[in-house]
Amino acid sequence: MEMKYDDKYHLHLGYYENNCDYESIAYKKLSEDVWDIFFDFEQYGLKNTIEENELSLEGLGTRIFSIGGNDLTYETGVKRFEEWLAMQKII
């Protein structure tokens, strides 16, 4: 089943501290109040640590986690992205 996203709603989430420069992108699903966050491991020369069967989209990378809700604030998204980067020992 192909995942459908609302083209009008996406958010770039970045971590730019401690000489790092990592970005992910969040897309809002059309069918439900969920945002999927994608990270392009290859772009940063990092090994993909996500399960092989996880959703990957050309040019966006691999879905690393989802956040429920109709609205996603930049602050919430960046906080979760930073937590994910730390859990993955990327930062």
C-alpha atoms as a PDB file:
ATOM      1  CA  MET A   1       0.000   0.000   0.000  1.00  0.00           C
ATOM      2  CA  GLU A   2       1.407   3.358  -1.002  1.00  0.00           C
ATOM      3  CA  MET A   3       1.495   5.987   1.706  1.00  0.00           C
ATOM      4  CA  LYS A   4      -0.150   9.275   0.779  1.00  0.00           C
ATOM      5  CA  TYR A   5       1.063  12.569   2.198  1.00  0.00           C
ATOM      6  CA  ASP A   6      -0.401  16.043   2.078  1.00  0.00           C
ATOM      7  CA  ASP A   7       1.870  18.114  -0.168  1.00  0.00           C
ATOM      8  CA  LYS A   8       0.891  21.300   1.672  1.00  0.00           C
ATOM      9  CA  TYR A   9       2.175  20.062   5.024  1.00  0.00           C
ATOM     10  CA  HIS A  10       5.801  19.259   5.600  1.00  0.00           C
ATOM     11  CA  LEU A  11       8.378  20.494   8.053  1.00  0.00           C
ATOM     12  CA  HIS A  12      12.180  20.519   7.909  1.00  0.00           C
ATOM     13  CA  LEU A  13      13.662  19.561  11.287  1.00  0.00           C
ATOM     14  CA  GLY A  14      17.302  20.361  11.896  1.00  0.00           C
ATOM     15  CA  TYR A  15      19.976  19.821  14.509  1.00  0.00           C
ATOM     16  CA  TYR A  16      22.809  22.336  14.154  1.00  0.00           C
ATOM     17  CA  GLU A  17      24.621  22.271  17.490  1.00  0.00           C
ATOM     18  CA  ASN A  18      28.153  21.098  18.370  1.00  0.00           C
ATOM     19  CA  ASN A  19      29.398  21.444  14.785  1.00  0.00           C
ATOM     20  CA  CYS A  20      26.686  19.064  13.541  1.00  0.00           C
ATOM     21  CA  ASP A  21      24.348  19.653  10.633  1.00  0.00           C
ATOM     22  CA  TYR A  22      21.594  17.014  10.425  1.00  0.00           C
ATOM     23  CA  GLU A  23      18.176  17.443   8.899  1.00  0.00           C
ATOM     24  CA  SER A  24      15.077  15.337   8.675  1.00  0.00           C
ATOM     25  CA  ILE A  25      11.766  16.091   7.048  1.00  0.00           C
ATOM     26  CA  ALA A  26       8.282  15.501   8.440  1.00  0.00           C
ATOM     27  CA  TYR A  27       5.294  14.780   6.203  1.00  0.00           C
ATOM     28  CA  LYS A  28       1.641  14.792   7.298  1.00  0.00           C
ATOM     29  CA  LYS A  29      -0.321  11.690   6.281  1.00  0.00           C
ATOM     30  CA  LEU A  30      -3.476  12.379   4.306  1.00  0.00           C
ATOM     31  CA  SER A  31      -5.485   9.584   5.899  1.00  0.00           C
ATOM     32  CA  GLU A  32      -4.800  10.280   9.576  1.00  0.00           C
ATOM     33  CA  ASP A  33      -3.416  12.780  12.065  1.00  0.00           C
ATOM     34  CA  VAL A  34       0.122  11.415  11.974  1.00  0.00           C
ATOM     35  CA  TRP A  35       3.400  12.947  10.842  1.00  0.00           C
ATOM     36  CA  ASP A  36       6.105  10.613   9.510  1.00  0.00           C
ATOM     37  CA  ILE A  37       9.681  11.797   9.971  1.00  0.00           C
ATOM     38  CA  PHE A  38      12.241  10.781   7.330  1.00  0.00           C
ATOM     39  CA  PHE A  39      16.027  10.830   7.553  1.00  0.00           C
ATOM     40  CA  ASP A  40      18.452  10.249   4.681  1.00  0.00           C
ATOM     41  CA  PHE A  41      21.236   8.133   6.233  1.00  0.00           C
ATOM     42  CA  GLU A  42      23.120   7.946   2.924  1.00  0.00           C
ATOM     43  CA  GLN A  43      23.322  11.744   2.596  1.00  0.00           C
ATOM     44  CA  TYR A  44      25.290  11.860   5.866  1.00  0.00           C
ATOM     45  CA  GLY A  45      27.390   8.765   5.211  1.00  0.00           C
ATOM     46  CA  LEU A  46      25.726   6.936   8.111  1.00  0.00           C
ATOM     47  CA  LYS A  47      24.716   3.287   8.348  1.00  0.00           C
ATOM     48  CA  ASN A  48      20.942   2.857   8.225  1.00  0.00           C
ATOM     49  CA  THR A  49      19.979   1.476  11.631  1.00  0.00           C
ATOM     50  CA  ILE A  50      16.265   1.107  10.845  1.00  0.00           C
ATOM     51  CA  GLU A  51      14.607  -2.221  10.013  1.00  0.00           C
ATOM     52  CA  GLU A  52      14.908  -3.165   6.350  1.00  0.00           C
ATOM     53  CA  ASN A  53      11.151  -3.305   5.799  1.00  0.00           C
ATOM     54  CA  GLU A  54      10.595   0.247   7.066  1.00  0.00           C
ATOM     55  CA  LEU A  55       9.206   2.759   4.590  1.00  0.00           C
ATOM     56  CA  SER A  56      11.826   4.511   2.490  1.00  0.00           C
ATOM     57  CA  LEU A  57      11.061   7.173  -0.086  1.00  0.00           C
ATOM     58  CA  GLU A  58      13.352   8.201  -2.906  1.00  0.00           C
ATOM     59  CA  GLY A  59      15.038  11.492  -2.116  1.00  0.00           C
ATOM     60  CA  LEU A  60      13.686  11.628   1.445  1.00  0.00           C
ATOM     61  CA  GLY A  61      15.299   8.666   3.121  1.00  0.00           C
ATOM     62  CA  THR A  62      13.839   6.248   5.650  1.00  0.00           C
ATOM     63  CA  ARG A  63      10.998   6.817   8.101  1.00  0.00           C
ATOM     64  CA  ILE A  64      12.677   6.979  11.516  1.00  0.00           C
ATOM     65  CA  PHE A  65       9.607   7.626  13.666  1.00  0.00           C
ATOM     66  CA  SER A  66       6.093   9.094  13.618  1.00  0.00           C
ATOM     67  CA  ILE A  67       4.403  11.715  15.755  1.00  0.00           C
ATOM     68  CA  GLY A  68       0.643  11.696  16.283  1.00  0.00           C
ATOM     69  CA  GLY A  69      -1.414  14.853  15.943  1.00  0.00           C
ATOM     70  CA  ASN A  70      -2.912  17.144  13.350  1.00  0.00           C
ATOM     71  CA  ASP A  71      -0.425  19.946  13.982  1.00  0.00           C
ATOM     72  CA  LEU A  72       3.285  19.482  14.488  1.00  0.00           C
ATOM     73  CA  THR A  73       5.282  22.409  15.798  1.00  0.00           C
ATOM     74  CA  TYR A  74       8.885  22.901  14.791  1.00  0.00           C
ATOM     75  CA  GLU A  75       9.896  22.857  18.477  1.00  0.00           C
ATOM     76  CA  THR A  76       8.239  19.492  19.148  1.00  0.00           C
ATOM     77  CA  GLY A  77       9.610  17.959  15.962  1.00  0.00           C
ATOM     78  CA  VAL A  78      13.170  19.169  16.584  1.00  0.00           C
ATOM     79  CA  LYS A  79      13.108  17.945  20.197  1.00  0.00           C
ATOM     80  CA  ARG A  80      12.043  14.461  19.089  1.00  0.00           C
ATOM     81  CA  PHE A  81      14.597  14.469  16.254  1.00  0.00           C
ATOM     82  CA  GLU A  82      17.376  15.446  18.672  1.00  0.00           C
ATOM     83  CA  GLU A  83      16.299  12.654  21.068  1.00  0.00           C
ATOM     84  CA  TRP A  84      16.363  10.182  18.177  1.00  0.00           C
ATOM     85  CA  LEU A  85      19.847  11.348  17.085  1.00  0.00           C
ATOM     86  CA  ALA A  86      21.089  10.859  20.668  1.00  0.00           C
ATOM     87  CA  MET A  87      19.487   7.399  20.977  1.00  0.00           C
ATOM     88  CA  GLN A  88      21.175   6.370  17.717  1.00  0.00           C
ATOM     89  CA  LYS A  89      24.496   7.691  19.093  1.00  0.00           C
ATOM     90  CA  ILE A  90      24.785  10.008  16.087  1.00  0.00           C
ATOM     91  CA  ILE A  91      25.238  12.988  18.407  1.00  0.00           C
END
